[in-house]
């Protein structure tokens, strides 16, 4: 009974860890795209801020769950 609970926790922790790594890549690529643009584009800035906020929300959730990200 308790084995299943720990297995589910580990599974969802792994999913969260993968999501954090994916959103970090998206955030970094959005930053690079924003730096490469010559003009001021609101869509690109909004995309970067969206990726940043999602990443930090997931990171906050990982801290609450005490997940180590390597």
N, C-alpha and C. Protein backbone atom coordinates (compact mmCIF):
# COMPACT_ATOMS: atom_id res chain seq x y z
N UNK A 1 0.82 -1.19 0.00
CA UNK A 1 0.00 0.00 0.00
C UNK A 1 0.87 1.26 0.00
N UNK A 2 1.83 1.34 0.90
CA UNK A 2 2.69 2.52 0.97
C UNK A 2 3.72 2.53 -0.15
N UNK A 3 4.02 1.37 -0.68
CA UNK A 3 4.97 1.29 -1.78
C UNK A 3 4.43 2.01 -3.01
N UNK A 4 3.14 1.87 -3.24
CA UNK A 4 2.51 2.53 -4.39
C UNK A 4 2.58 4.04 -4.25
N UNK A 5 2.39 4.55 -3.03
CA UNK A 5 2.43 5.98 -2.79
C UNK A 5 3.83 6.54 -3.10
N UNK A 6 4.86 5.86 -2.65
CA UNK A 6 6.22 6.34 -2.91
C UNK A 6 6.56 6.23 -4.40
N UNK A 7 6.02 5.21 -5.06
CA UNK A 7 6.26 5.05 -6.49
C UNK A 7 5.61 6.20 -7.27
N UNK A 8 4.38 6.55 -6.90
CA UNK A 8 3.69 7.66 -7.57
C UNK A 8 4.40 8.98 -7.31
N UNK A 9 4.85 9.20 -6.07
CA UNK A 9 5.57 10.44 -5.75
C UNK A 9 6.84 10.55 -6.59
N UNK A 10 7.58 9.46 -6.67
CA UNK A 10 8.82 9.46 -7.45
C UNK A 10 8.52 9.72 -8.93
N UNK A 11 7.45 9.12 -9.43
CA UNK A 11 7.07 9.30 -10.84
C UNK A 11 6.72 10.77 -11.12
N UNK A 12 5.91 11.38 -10.26
CA UNK A 12 5.52 12.76 -10.47
C UNK A 12 6.66 13.73 -10.21
N UNK A 13 7.55 13.38 -9.29
CA UNK A 13 8.74 14.20 -9.09
C UNK A 13 9.63 14.18 -10.32
N UNK A 14 9.75 13.03 -10.95
CA UNK A 14 10.54 12.94 -12.19
C UNK A 14 9.90 13.77 -13.30
N UNK A 15 8.57 13.72 -13.40
CA UNK A 15 7.88 14.54 -14.41
C UNK A 15 8.11 16.01 -14.15
N UNK A 16 8.04 16.42 -12.88
CA UNK A 16 8.27 17.82 -12.54
C UNK A 16 9.70 18.23 -12.87
N UNK A 17 10.64 17.38 -12.56
CA UNK A 17 12.05 17.67 -12.86
C UNK A 17 12.26 17.85 -14.37
N UNK A 18 11.64 16.97 -15.17
CA UNK A 18 11.76 17.09 -16.63
C UNK A 18 11.08 18.35 -17.15
N UNK A 19 9.94 18.69 -16.56
CA UNK A 19 9.26 19.93 -16.96
C UNK A 19 10.11 21.15 -16.66
N UNK A 20 10.77 21.15 -15.52
CA UNK A 20 11.63 22.28 -15.15
C UNK A 20 12.78 22.42 -16.14
N UNK A 21 13.38 21.31 -16.49
CA UNK A 21 14.49 21.36 -17.45
C UNK A 21 14.01 21.83 -18.82
N UNK A 22 12.83 21.37 -19.25
CA UNK A 22 12.28 21.79 -20.54
C UNK A 22 11.95 23.28 -20.55
N UNK A 23 11.33 23.76 -19.47
CA UNK A 23 10.97 25.18 -19.43
C UNK A 23 12.20 26.06 -19.33
N UNK A 24 13.26 25.55 -18.71
CA UNK A 24 14.50 26.33 -18.66
C UNK A 24 15.07 26.50 -20.07
N UNK A 25 15.01 25.43 -20.87
CA UNK A 25 15.48 25.52 -22.25
C UNK A 25 14.64 26.50 -23.06
N UNK A 26 13.31 26.43 -22.86
CA UNK A 26 12.42 27.37 -23.57
C UNK A 26 12.71 28.80 -23.17
N UNK A 27 12.93 29.02 -21.88
CA UNK A 27 13.21 30.36 -21.38
C UNK A 27 14.53 30.88 -21.95
N UNK A 28 15.56 30.04 -21.96
CA UNK A 28 16.85 30.45 -22.51
C UNK A 28 16.75 30.75 -24.01
N UNK A 29 16.01 29.94 -24.74
CA UNK A 29 15.88 30.20 -26.18
C UNK A 29 15.08 31.48 -26.42
N UNK A 30 14.09 31.75 -25.59
CA UNK A 30 13.32 33.00 -25.72
C UNK A 30 14.21 34.20 -25.42
N UNK A 31 15.12 34.07 -24.45
CA UNK A 31 16.04 35.16 -24.15
C UNK A 31 16.98 35.42 -25.33
N UNK A 32 17.46 34.35 -25.94
CA UNK A 32 18.37 34.49 -27.08
C UNK A 32 17.65 35.16 -28.24
N UNK A 33 16.42 34.73 -28.51
CA UNK A 33 15.65 35.33 -29.61
C UNK A 33 15.42 36.82 -29.34
N UNK A 34 15.11 37.16 -28.10
CA UNK A 34 14.89 38.56 -27.76
C UNK A 34 16.16 39.39 -27.94
N UNK A 35 17.30 38.83 -27.59
CA UNK A 35 18.57 39.55 -27.75
C UNK A 35 18.94 39.72 -29.22
N UNK A 36 18.55 38.78 -30.06
CA UNK A 36 18.92 38.84 -31.47
C UNK A 36 18.07 39.82 -32.28
N UNK A 37 16.91 40.15 -31.76
CA UNK A 37 16.03 41.07 -32.49
C UNK A 37 16.56 42.49 -32.43
N UNK A 38 16.43 43.20 -33.55
CA UNK A 38 16.88 44.58 -33.59
C UNK A 38 15.82 45.54 -33.08
N UNK A 39 14.57 45.22 -33.35
CA UNK A 39 13.50 46.13 -32.94
C UNK A 39 12.81 45.61 -31.69
N UNK A 40 11.89 46.39 -31.18
CA UNK A 40 11.16 46.10 -29.96
C UNK A 40 9.88 45.36 -30.33
N UNK A 41 9.81 44.06 -30.03
CA UNK A 41 8.67 43.24 -30.39
C UNK A 41 7.97 42.75 -29.12
N UNK A 42 6.75 43.19 -28.92
CA UNK A 42 6.02 42.84 -27.71
C UNK A 42 5.69 41.36 -27.61
N UNK A 43 5.45 40.72 -28.74
CA UNK A 43 5.14 39.28 -28.72
C UNK A 43 6.31 38.46 -28.20
N UNK A 44 7.51 38.82 -28.61
CA UNK A 44 8.70 38.08 -28.17
C UNK A 44 8.94 38.32 -26.69
N UNK A 45 8.75 39.55 -26.24
CA UNK A 45 8.93 39.86 -24.82
C UNK A 45 7.89 39.12 -23.98
N UNK A 46 6.66 39.08 -24.45
CA UNK A 46 5.60 38.37 -23.73
C UNK A 46 5.90 36.87 -23.67
N UNK A 47 6.42 36.34 -24.75
CA UNK A 47 6.77 34.91 -24.78
C UNK A 47 7.88 34.62 -23.78
N UNK A 48 8.88 35.50 -23.70
CA UNK A 48 9.97 35.30 -22.75
C UNK A 48 9.45 35.38 -21.31
N UNK A 49 8.62 36.37 -21.03
CA UNK A 49 8.09 36.53 -19.68
C UNK A 49 7.20 35.35 -19.29
N UNK A 50 6.46 34.84 -20.24
CA UNK A 50 5.60 33.68 -19.98
C UNK A 50 6.46 32.46 -19.64
N UNK A 51 7.50 32.23 -20.43
CA UNK A 51 8.39 31.09 -20.17
C UNK A 51 9.09 31.25 -18.82
N UNK A 52 9.49 32.48 -18.51
CA UNK A 52 10.16 32.75 -17.25
C UNK A 52 9.23 32.49 -16.06
N UNK A 53 8.00 32.96 -16.15
CA UNK A 53 7.07 32.78 -15.04
C UNK A 53 6.70 31.31 -14.84
N UNK A 54 6.54 30.56 -15.93
CA UNK A 54 6.25 29.13 -15.81
C UNK A 54 7.42 28.41 -15.17
N UNK A 55 8.63 28.76 -15.59
CA UNK A 55 9.82 28.11 -15.03
C UNK A 55 9.93 28.37 -13.53
N UNK A 56 9.75 29.62 -13.11
CA UNK A 56 9.88 29.93 -11.70
C UNK A 56 8.75 29.35 -10.87
N UNK A 57 7.55 29.22 -11.44
CA UNK A 57 6.46 28.56 -10.72
C UNK A 57 6.80 27.09 -10.47
N UNK A 58 7.29 26.42 -11.50
CA UNK A 58 7.66 25.01 -11.34
C UNK A 58 8.83 24.85 -10.38
N UNK A 59 9.77 25.79 -10.43
CA UNK A 59 10.91 25.74 -9.54
C UNK A 59 10.45 25.91 -8.08
N UNK A 60 9.49 26.81 -7.86
CA UNK A 60 8.93 27.02 -6.52
C UNK A 60 8.24 25.75 -6.03
N UNK A 61 7.50 25.09 -6.91
CA UNK A 61 6.84 23.84 -6.55
C UNK A 61 7.86 22.76 -6.20
N UNK A 62 8.97 22.73 -6.91
CA UNK A 62 10.03 21.75 -6.61
C UNK A 62 10.65 22.03 -5.24
N UNK A 63 10.80 23.29 -4.90
CA UNK A 63 11.33 23.62 -3.57
C UNK A 63 10.37 23.18 -2.48
N UNK A 64 9.07 23.35 -2.72
CA UNK A 64 8.08 22.94 -1.73
C UNK A 64 8.13 21.42 -1.54
N UNK A 65 8.27 20.69 -2.65
CA UNK A 65 8.33 19.22 -2.59
C UNK A 65 9.70 18.70 -2.20
N UNK A 66 10.68 19.61 -2.10
CA UNK A 66 12.06 19.27 -1.73
C UNK A 66 12.69 18.29 -2.73
N UNK A 67 12.57 18.68 -4.01
CA UNK A 67 13.12 17.88 -5.10
C UNK A 67 14.48 18.47 -5.47
N UNK A 68 15.48 17.62 -5.60
CA UNK A 68 16.80 18.07 -6.05
C UNK A 68 16.87 17.98 -7.56
N UNK A 69 17.31 19.07 -8.19
CA UNK A 69 17.45 19.10 -9.64
C UNK A 69 18.94 19.13 -9.96
N UNK A 70 19.38 18.14 -10.69
CA UNK A 70 20.81 18.05 -10.99
C UNK A 70 21.06 18.37 -12.43
